C-alpha cells in the first residue's frame, strides 16, 4: 500500500509532525517518502525471512524492524489527536491513537524475533563425522555422541 497515493497521503500527517522524520520531506516528495518506506519495509521482511539461509541477515532484519516500529510508536507523542482528552488519561482515540497502538505488539514481536534468532545463532551445531556409524554434535556447552 505504501506505493499508492492513498497510503502516502495517509501517513503524511504522522511523518510531517515527527521530529525524527519530517526533515525527509525537504528532499523527498510525499509519494517519494512513502515509496522509500515501502521498499524499506519489504527489504526488512525479506531479511527476516532469510533466517533459513542466514541468521545474521535475520538479526539485521529484526534490528531494522525494531527501529521501524519504535519510530512508528514515537508518532503517538508527536501526532495531534492521539489522546482523547474528554475521556481522561490514558484514553486514546481510535484514529490515530489505536491505529498506532497496534504497533506496540509488532515492536515486541520484532525484539523477540531478533533475540530468538540470536539465540539460535549462538547454539548452532558444529558436526564432525568420525565414521559411517558415529557422529559427534558439539554445542557451546555440551556434546552428544550419536550412532554408537
Protein backbone atom coordinates (compact mmCIF):
# COMPACT_ATOMS: atom_id res chain seq x y z
CA UNK A 1 0.00 0.00 0.00
CA UNK A 2 2.92 2.37 0.55
CA UNK A 3 3.20 2.72 -3.22
CA UNK A 4 -0.29 4.23 -3.58
CA UNK A 5 -1.13 7.92 -3.24
CA UNK A 6 -3.87 6.96 -0.75
CA UNK A 7 -1.29 5.47 1.65
CA UNK A 8 1.27 8.23 1.00
CA UNK A 9 -1.29 10.87 1.95
CA UNK A 10 -2.46 8.73 4.88
CA UNK A 11 0.96 8.68 6.54
CA UNK A 12 1.74 12.31 5.74
CA UNK A 13 0.19 13.59 8.98
CA UNK A 14 2.29 11.23 11.08
CA UNK A 15 5.54 11.95 9.29
CA UNK A 16 5.12 15.70 8.99
CA UNK A 17 4.62 16.02 12.77
CA UNK A 18 7.58 13.81 13.65
CA UNK A 19 10.91 15.44 14.51
CA UNK A 20 12.55 12.11 13.62
CA UNK A 21 11.23 12.01 10.04
CA UNK A 22 9.71 15.34 8.97
CA UNK A 23 13.08 16.52 7.63
CA UNK A 24 12.87 13.86 4.90
CA UNK A 25 10.13 15.87 3.19
CA UNK A 26 12.76 18.54 2.50
CA UNK A 27 14.25 16.33 -0.23
CA UNK A 28 11.56 13.68 -0.88
CA UNK A 29 8.01 14.25 -2.02
CA UNK A 30 5.13 12.77 -0.05
CA UNK A 31 4.93 9.91 -2.55
CA UNK A 32 8.73 9.60 -2.71
CA UNK A 33 8.97 9.11 1.06
CA UNK A 34 6.13 6.61 1.04
CA UNK A 35 7.85 4.65 -1.75
CA UNK A 36 11.12 4.71 0.20
CA UNK A 37 9.30 3.40 3.27
CA UNK A 38 7.61 0.68 1.20
CA UNK A 39 10.95 -0.52 -0.18
CA UNK A 40 12.43 -0.43 3.33
CA UNK A 41 9.55 -2.47 4.79
CA UNK A 42 9.76 -5.10 2.03
CA UNK A 43 13.55 -5.29 2.48
CA UNK A 44 13.18 -5.78 6.23
CA UNK A 45 10.65 -8.55 5.64
CA UNK A 46 12.99 -10.30 3.22
CA UNK A 47 15.89 -10.01 5.69
CA UNK A 48 13.79 -11.61 8.42
CA UNK A 49 12.65 -14.35 6.02
CA UNK A 50 16.30 -15.03 5.14
CA UNK A 51 16.68 -16.61 8.57
CA UNK A 52 16.56 -20.01 6.86
CA UNK A 53 19.72 -19.18 4.90
CA UNK A 54 21.49 -16.64 7.08
CA UNK A 55 20.62 -15.95 10.71
CA UNK A 56 22.88 -12.88 10.60
CA UNK A 57 20.69 -11.30 7.92
CA UNK A 58 17.60 -12.12 10.00
CA UNK A 59 19.16 -10.43 13.03
CA UNK A 60 19.75 -7.32 10.89
CA UNK A 61 16.12 -7.50 9.75
CA UNK A 62 14.99 -7.75 13.38
CA UNK A 63 17.05 -4.72 14.37
CA UNK A 64 15.68 -2.68 11.46
CA UNK A 65 12.13 -3.85 12.19
CA UNK A 66 12.51 -2.83 15.83
CA UNK A 67 13.70 0.60 14.69
CA UNK A 68 10.76 0.99 12.30
CA UNK A 69 8.20 0.15 14.98
CA UNK A 70 9.94 2.32 17.58
CA UNK A 71 9.71 5.23 15.15
CA UNK A 72 6.04 4.48 14.49
CA UNK A 73 5.33 4.39 18.23
CA UNK A 74 7.05 7.76 18.61
CA UNK A 75 4.25 9.18 16.45
CA UNK A 76 1.97 8.71 19.47
CA UNK A 77 3.87 11.53 21.16
CA UNK A 78 4.07 13.87 18.17
CA UNK A 79 0.80 13.41 16.25
CA UNK A 80 -2.09 15.66 17.30
CA UNK A 81 -5.31 13.88 18.30
CA UNK A 82 -3.78 10.65 19.65
CA UNK A 83 -5.05 11.15 23.19
CA UNK A 84 -8.75 11.68 23.87
CA UNK A 85 -8.88 14.45 26.47
CA UNK A 86 -12.63 14.21 27.01
CA UNK A 87 -12.27 10.67 28.40
CA UNK A 88 -9.27 11.40 30.63
CA UNK A 89 -5.85 9.82 30.75
CA UNK A 90 -4.90 7.25 29.36
CA UNK A 91 -7.73 7.15 26.81
CA UNK A 92 -6.63 7.26 23.20
CA UNK A 93 -8.61 8.00 20.09
CA UNK A 94 -9.48 5.31 17.56
CA UNK A 95 -7.65 7.15 14.81
CA UNK A 96 -4.80 7.91 15.09
CA UNK A 97 -4.30 6.58 18.65
CA UNK A 98 -5.44 2.96 18.46
CA UNK A 99 -4.20 2.75 14.88
CA UNK A 100 -0.68 3.48 16.17
CA UNK A 101 -1.03 1.41 19.35
CA UNK A 102 -1.21 -1.83 17.32
CA UNK A 103 2.46 -1.29 16.52
CA UNK A 104 3.34 -1.87 20.18
CA UNK A 105 2.68 -5.60 19.67
CA UNK A 106 4.68 -5.62 16.44
CA UNK A 107 7.53 -3.81 18.22
CA UNK A 108 7.63 -6.53 20.90
CA UNK A 109 7.49 -9.28 18.26
CA UNK A 110 10.40 -7.64 16.42
CA UNK A 111 12.52 -7.59 19.56
CA UNK A 112 11.65 -11.19 20.39
CA UNK A 113 12.34 -12.34 16.83
CA UNK A 114 15.75 -10.72 16.94
CA UNK A 115 16.51 -12.32 20.34
CA UNK A 116 15.32 -15.74 19.18
CA UNK A 117 17.43 -15.64 16.04
CA UNK A 118 20.46 -14.54 18.09
CA UNK A 119 19.92 -17.48 20.46
CA UNK A 120 19.71 -19.90 17.54
CA UNK A 121 22.85 -18.41 16.03
CA UNK A 122 24.79 -18.89 19.27
CA UNK A 123 23.67 -22.52 19.61
CA UNK A 124 24.33 -23.66 16.05
CA UNK A 125 25.59 -27.17 15.88
CA UNK A 126 29.02 -28.00 14.52
CA UNK A 127 29.03 -31.58 13.36
CA UNK A 128 32.13 -33.70 12.86
CA UNK A 129 31.90 -37.12 11.23
CA UNK A 130 34.05 -39.78 12.82
CA UNK A 131 32.97 -42.62 10.57
CA UNK A 132 29.91 -44.11 8.97
CA UNK A 133 28.39 -45.19 12.30
CA UNK A 134 29.22 -42.32 14.68
CA UNK A 135 28.59 -38.61 14.63
CA UNK A 136 29.54 -36.07 17.29
CA UNK A 137 27.46 -32.90 17.61
CA UNK A 138 29.01 -30.08 19.61
CA UNK A 139 27.34 -27.01 21.00
CA UNK A 140 28.78 -24.27 23.10
CA UNK A 141 28.08 -26.08 26.40
CA UNK A 142 27.85 -29.82 25.74
CA UNK A 143 28.34 -32.62 23.29
CA UNK A 144 26.37 -35.62 22.13
CA UNK A 145 27.60 -38.86 20.58
CA UNK A 146 25.08 -40.43 18.17
CA UNK A 147 25.03 -43.74 16.36
CA UNK A 148 27.21 -45.75 18.77
